[in-house]
């Protein structure tokens, strides 16, 4: 049943994505308000499709931990789902991502128009300096930043080494960092067609204030995320186990 519902989702998603890829083209020459609306509308439509076809929904916890003013969101990354939730829930966030995504027809064009920052990790220090420079412009424009400290998706239960980019942004921008934990990978597995029924939880943790020593900041970020991840992933495992037990009854 899960596979059948997942395949139905992908079939309908493919048709919808093709239609919207062309329908959204005028936004590439319109002011930013068009890109803002499209980012929200696209995500809302995908979330609705997920709910109807697969039974997958989400909940947001800890919104009260988001400070007013400029902020960096340092997020875990388990699936494509979290790349959609931020422009849906936050106000005009700019995500730092792999530059190669800009090369994807339609999708990459819309990412670039929205203002996402693309980096080439092979460029090392040059990429880091460019990222920090672009991030300054983003913060000056009043938009929050979203960064994935591990640099790539990691399956549930795994942690990749945190990259130096998040520490460089924290030091240079001198603004709070909000760690963000989630359990999307249990319901939207990496490199899989499966979309499981359930509720993805994304949790915004208390902000880390600016001005800490680099090592102190990195340890707090890792410790906060590790503790929250353990809780959310256990929550997901219990929910999925309950679904499995119900199907057996």
Protein backbone atom coordinates (compact mmCIF):
# COMPACT_ATOMS: atom_id res chain seq x y z
CA UNK A 1 0.00 0.00 0.00
CA UNK A 2 2.81 2.43 0.89
CA UNK A 3 4.53 1.81 -2.43
CA UNK A 4 1.31 2.22 -4.42
CA UNK A 5 0.47 5.49 -2.70
CA UNK A 6 4.04 6.72 -3.19
CA UNK A 7 3.91 5.93 -6.90
CA UNK A 8 0.61 7.76 -7.20
CA UNK A 9 2.18 10.78 -5.52
CA UNK A 10 5.15 10.74 -7.91
CA UNK A 11 2.93 10.42 -10.97
CA UNK A 12 0.74 13.37 -9.96
CA UNK A 13 3.76 15.35 -8.77
CA UNK A 14 5.47 14.88 -12.14
CA UNK A 15 2.45 16.18 -14.04
CA UNK A 16 2.02 19.13 -11.66
CA UNK A 17 5.73 20.01 -11.75
CA UNK A 18 5.74 20.02 -15.55
CA UNK A 19 2.72 22.30 -15.72
CA UNK A 20 3.98 24.70 -13.07
CA UNK A 21 7.50 24.84 -14.55
CA UNK A 22 6.04 26.63 -17.57
CA UNK A 23 3.30 28.52 -15.71
CA UNK A 24 5.88 30.11 -13.38
CA UNK A 25 8.14 31.40 -16.17
CA UNK A 26 6.82 35.00 -16.03
CA UNK A 27 8.14 35.25 -12.46
CA UNK A 28 11.69 35.27 -13.83
CA UNK A 29 11.17 38.80 -15.13
CA UNK A 30 8.70 40.03 -12.50
CA UNK A 31 9.67 41.69 -9.19
CA UNK A 32 10.53 39.57 -6.16
CA UNK A 33 6.93 39.43 -4.89
CA UNK A 34 6.20 36.95 -7.69
CA UNK A 35 9.01 34.63 -6.60
CA UNK A 36 7.86 34.88 -2.99
CA UNK A 37 4.32 33.87 -3.93
CA UNK A 38 5.47 31.03 -6.15
CA UNK A 39 7.77 29.59 -3.46
CA UNK A 40 4.86 29.53 -1.02
CA UNK A 41 2.27 28.32 -3.52
CA UNK A 42 4.48 25.54 -4.86
CA UNK A 43 5.24 24.19 -1.42
CA UNK A 44 1.63 24.46 -0.26
CA UNK A 45 0.48 22.50 -3.31
CA UNK A 46 3.10 19.77 -2.81
CA UNK A 47 2.24 19.46 0.87
CA UNK A 48 -1.44 19.12 -0.03
CA UNK A 49 -0.60 16.46 -2.61
CA UNK A 50 1.49 14.56 -0.08
CA UNK A 51 -1.33 14.61 2.45
CA UNK A 52 -3.98 13.40 0.00
CA UNK A 53 -1.93 10.67 -1.69
CA UNK A 54 0.39 9.39 1.05
CA UNK A 55 -1.01 10.72 4.32
CA UNK A 56 2.21 12.61 5.06
CA UNK A 57 1.82 15.84 7.02
CA UNK A 58 4.04 17.92 9.32
CA UNK A 59 4.13 19.83 12.57
CA UNK A 60 6.27 22.82 13.57
CA UNK A 61 7.61 23.13 17.10
CA UNK A 62 9.58 25.89 18.81
CA UNK A 63 8.50 28.80 16.61
CA UNK A 64 8.69 30.95 19.74
CA UNK A 65 12.47 30.41 19.71
CA UNK A 66 12.89 32.38 16.48
CA UNK A 67 14.25 35.82 17.43
CA UNK A 68 13.23 39.06 15.81
CA UNK A 69 15.76 40.53 13.41
CA UNK A 70 18.54 38.90 11.39
CA UNK A 71 19.17 35.22 12.07
CA UNK A 72 20.90 32.13 10.70
CA UNK A 73 19.01 28.83 10.75
CA UNK A 74 21.44 25.91 11.06
CA UNK A 75 19.37 22.93 9.97
CA UNK A 76 19.76 19.19 9.87
CA UNK A 77 19.29 17.82 6.36
CA UNK A 78 17.74 14.39 5.79
CA UNK A 79 15.59 14.83 2.70
CA UNK A 80 14.28 17.25 0.08
CA UNK A 81 11.32 18.05 2.35
CA UNK A 82 13.17 20.63 4.44
CA UNK A 83 14.20 22.61 1.37
CA UNK A 84 10.48 23.30 0.90
CA UNK A 85 9.38 24.03 4.45
CA UNK A 86 11.60 27.07 4.94
CA UNK A 87 10.20 29.32 2.16
CA UNK A 88 6.74 28.10 3.17
CA UNK A 89 7.04 28.90 6.89
CA UNK A 90 9.69 31.63 7.13
CA UNK A 91 9.70 35.10 5.60
CA UNK A 92 11.89 35.15 2.45
CA UNK A 93 14.69 32.84 3.64
CA UNK A 94 17.83 32.46 1.55
CA UNK A 95 19.22 28.93 1.47
CA UNK A 96 22.88 28.15 0.93
CA UNK A 97 23.12 25.20 -1.45
CA UNK A 98 25.27 23.43 -4.02
CA UNK A 99 25.88 25.57 -7.09
CA UNK A 100 25.14 22.59 -9.35
CA UNK A 101 21.45 22.92 -8.49
CA UNK A 102 21.37 26.16 -10.49
CA UNK A 103 22.12 24.13 -13.62
CA UNK A 104 18.83 22.20 -13.43
CA UNK A 105 16.39 23.61 -16.03
CA UNK A 106 13.46 25.51 -14.53
CA UNK A 107 14.19 24.47 -10.93
CA UNK A 108 17.62 26.07 -10.93
CA UNK A 109 16.31 29.20 -12.60
CA UNK A 110 13.70 29.68 -9.89
CA UNK A 111 16.24 29.03 -7.12
CA UNK A 112 18.52 31.71 -8.51
CA UNK A 113 15.70 34.21 -8.98
CA UNK A 114 14.61 33.64 -5.37
CA UNK A 115 18.10 34.62 -4.25
CA UNK A 116 19.57 31.32 -3.06
CA UNK A 117 23.34 31.29 -2.60
CA UNK A 118 25.16 28.65 -4.63
CA UNK A 119 28.63 27.47 -3.64
CA UNK A 120 31.16 25.24 -5.34
CA UNK A 121 32.65 23.18 -2.54
CA UNK A 122 35.62 22.29 -4.73
CA UNK A 123 36.74 25.94 -4.60
CA UNK A 124 37.62 25.67 -0.91
CA UNK A 125 38.59 29.00 0.67
CA UNK A 126 37.43 30.95 -2.39
CA UNK A 127 33.94 29.48 -2.09
CA UNK A 128 33.91 30.25 1.63
CA UNK A 129 34.80 33.90 1.10
CA UNK A 130 32.19 34.24 -1.63
CA UNK A 131 29.53 32.64 0.57
CA UNK A 132 30.24 35.03 3.45
CA UNK A 133 30.22 38.01 1.09
CA UNK A 134 26.86 37.02 -0.39
CA UNK A 135 25.48 36.30 3.07
CA UNK A 136 26.28 39.85 4.18
CA UNK A 137 24.11 41.20 1.36
CA UNK A 138 21.28 38.84 2.35
CA UNK A 139 21.33 39.96 5.97
CA UNK A 140 21.56 43.63 4.93
CA UNK A 141 18.40 43.09 2.88
CA UNK A 142 16.58 41.82 5.98
CA UNK A 143 16.30 38.19 4.90
CA UNK A 144 17.23 35.21 7.11
CA UNK A 145 19.79 32.60 6.10
CA UNK A 146 19.33 28.83 6.05
CA UNK A 147 22.46 26.70 6.11
CA UNK A 148 22.92 22.94 6.37
CA UNK A 149 26.04 22.59 8.55
CA UNK A 150 26.76 19.03 7.42
CA UNK A 151 26.82 20.18 3.81
CA UNK A 152 24.74 17.29 2.49
CA UNK A 153 21.87 15.01 3.43
CA UNK A 154 22.51 12.41 6.12
CA UNK A 155 20.16 9.46 6.78
CA UNK A 156 18.41 9.23 10.16
CA UNK A 157 20.79 8.18 12.90
CA UNK A 158 23.86 9.44 11.07
CA UNK A 159 25.79 12.66 11.62
CA UNK A 160 28.25 14.08 9.12
CA UNK A 161 31.11 16.35 10.23
CA UNK A 162 30.00 19.96 10.49
CA UNK A 163 31.57 22.16 7.82
CA UNK A 164 33.55 25.32 8.58
CA UNK A 165 31.03 27.47 6.68
CA UNK A 166 28.55 27.74 9.55
CA UNK A 167 31.29 28.90 11.93
CA UNK A 168 32.50 31.47 9.39
CA UNK A 169 28.98 32.85 8.98
CA UNK A 170 28.45 32.98 12.74
CA UNK A 171 31.71 34.86 13.30
CA UNK A 172 31.43 37.27 10.38
CA UNK A 173 27.73 38.15 10.56
CA UNK A 174 27.63 38.34 14.36
CA UNK A 175 23.95 37.37 14.59
CA UNK A 176 22.07 34.59 16.45
CA UNK A 177 22.02 31.05 15.13
CA UNK A 178 18.88 28.94 15.57
CA UNK A 179 19.59 25.18 15.41
CA UNK A 180 16.82 23.25 13.65
CA UNK A 181 16.21 19.54 14.20
CA UNK A 182 13.83 17.34 12.20
CA UNK A 183 12.94 13.74 11.41
CA UNK A 184 11.95 13.99 7.74
CA UNK A 185 14.26 11.16 6.68
CA UNK A 186 12.07 8.55 8.40
CA UNK A 187 9.09 9.47 6.22
CA UNK A 188 10.89 10.72 3.09
CA UNK A 189 13.93 8.42 2.81
CA UNK A 190 16.98 9.66 0.94
CA UNK A 191 17.25 8.34 -2.64
CA UNK A 192 13.98 6.43 -2.39
CA UNK A 193 10.56 6.64 -4.03
CA UNK A 194 8.86 5.82 -0.74
CA UNK A 195 6.81 8.48 1.04
CA UNK A 196 5.48 7.09 4.33
CA UNK A 197 2.29 8.12 6.06
CA UNK A 198 2.87 10.09 9.25
CA UNK A 199 3.85 13.48 10.62
CA UNK A 200 7.25 15.03 10.03
CA UNK A 201 8.31 17.18 12.98
CA UNK A 202 10.60 20.17 12.57
CA UNK A 203 11.79 21.81 15.80
CA UNK A 204 13.36 25.25 16.14
CA UNK A 205 15.69 25.21 19.16
CA UNK A 206 16.68 28.14 21.41
CA UNK A 207 18.93 30.60 19.58
CA UNK A 208 22.67 30.58 20.17
CA UNK A 209 23.68 34.20 20.85
CA UNK A 210 26.45 35.83 18.82
CA UNK A 211 29.94 36.41 20.18
CA UNK A 212 30.90 32.94 21.42
CA UNK A 213 34.31 31.44 20.78
CA UNK A 214 34.34 29.31 17.63
CA UNK A 215 34.91 26.01 19.46
CA UNK A 216 32.29 26.84 22.07
CA UNK A 217 29.77 27.73 19.36
CA UNK A 218 30.39 24.59 17.33
CA UNK A 219 30.14 22.34 20.39
CA UNK A 220 26.89 23.93 21.50
CA UNK A 221 25.43 23.68 18.01
CA UNK A 222 26.34 20.00 17.70
CA UNK A 223 25.21 19.17 21.24
CA UNK A 224 21.86 20.94 20.85
CA UNK A 225 21.14 19.29 17.51
CA UNK A 226 22.27 15.84 18.65
CA UNK A 227 19.97 15.89 21.70
CA UNK A 228 16.97 17.15 19.73
CA UNK A 229 17.59 14.70 16.88
CA UNK A 230 17.60 11.76 19.27
CA UNK A 231 14.21 12.82 20.62
CA UNK A 232 12.60 13.50 17.22
CA UNK A 233 13.92 10.35 15.60
CA UNK A 234 12.64 8.22 18.47
CA UNK A 235 9.28 9.97 18.03
CA UNK A 236 9.28 9.03 14.34
CA UNK A 237 10.22 5.42 15.06
CA UNK A 238 7.35 5.09 17.55
CA UNK A 239 4.88 6.57 15.09
CA UNK A 240 5.97 4.29 12.25
CA UNK A 241 5.92 1.26 14.54
CA UNK A 242 2.38 2.16 15.58
CA UNK A 243 1.30 2.40 11.95
CA UNK A 244 2.83 -1.00 11.21
CA UNK A 245 1.08 -2.56 14.21
CA UNK A 246 -2.27 -1.10 13.15
CA UNK A 247 -1.91 -2.60 9.67
CA UNK A 248 -1.30 -6.04 11.19
CA UNK A 249 -4.44 -5.91 13.33
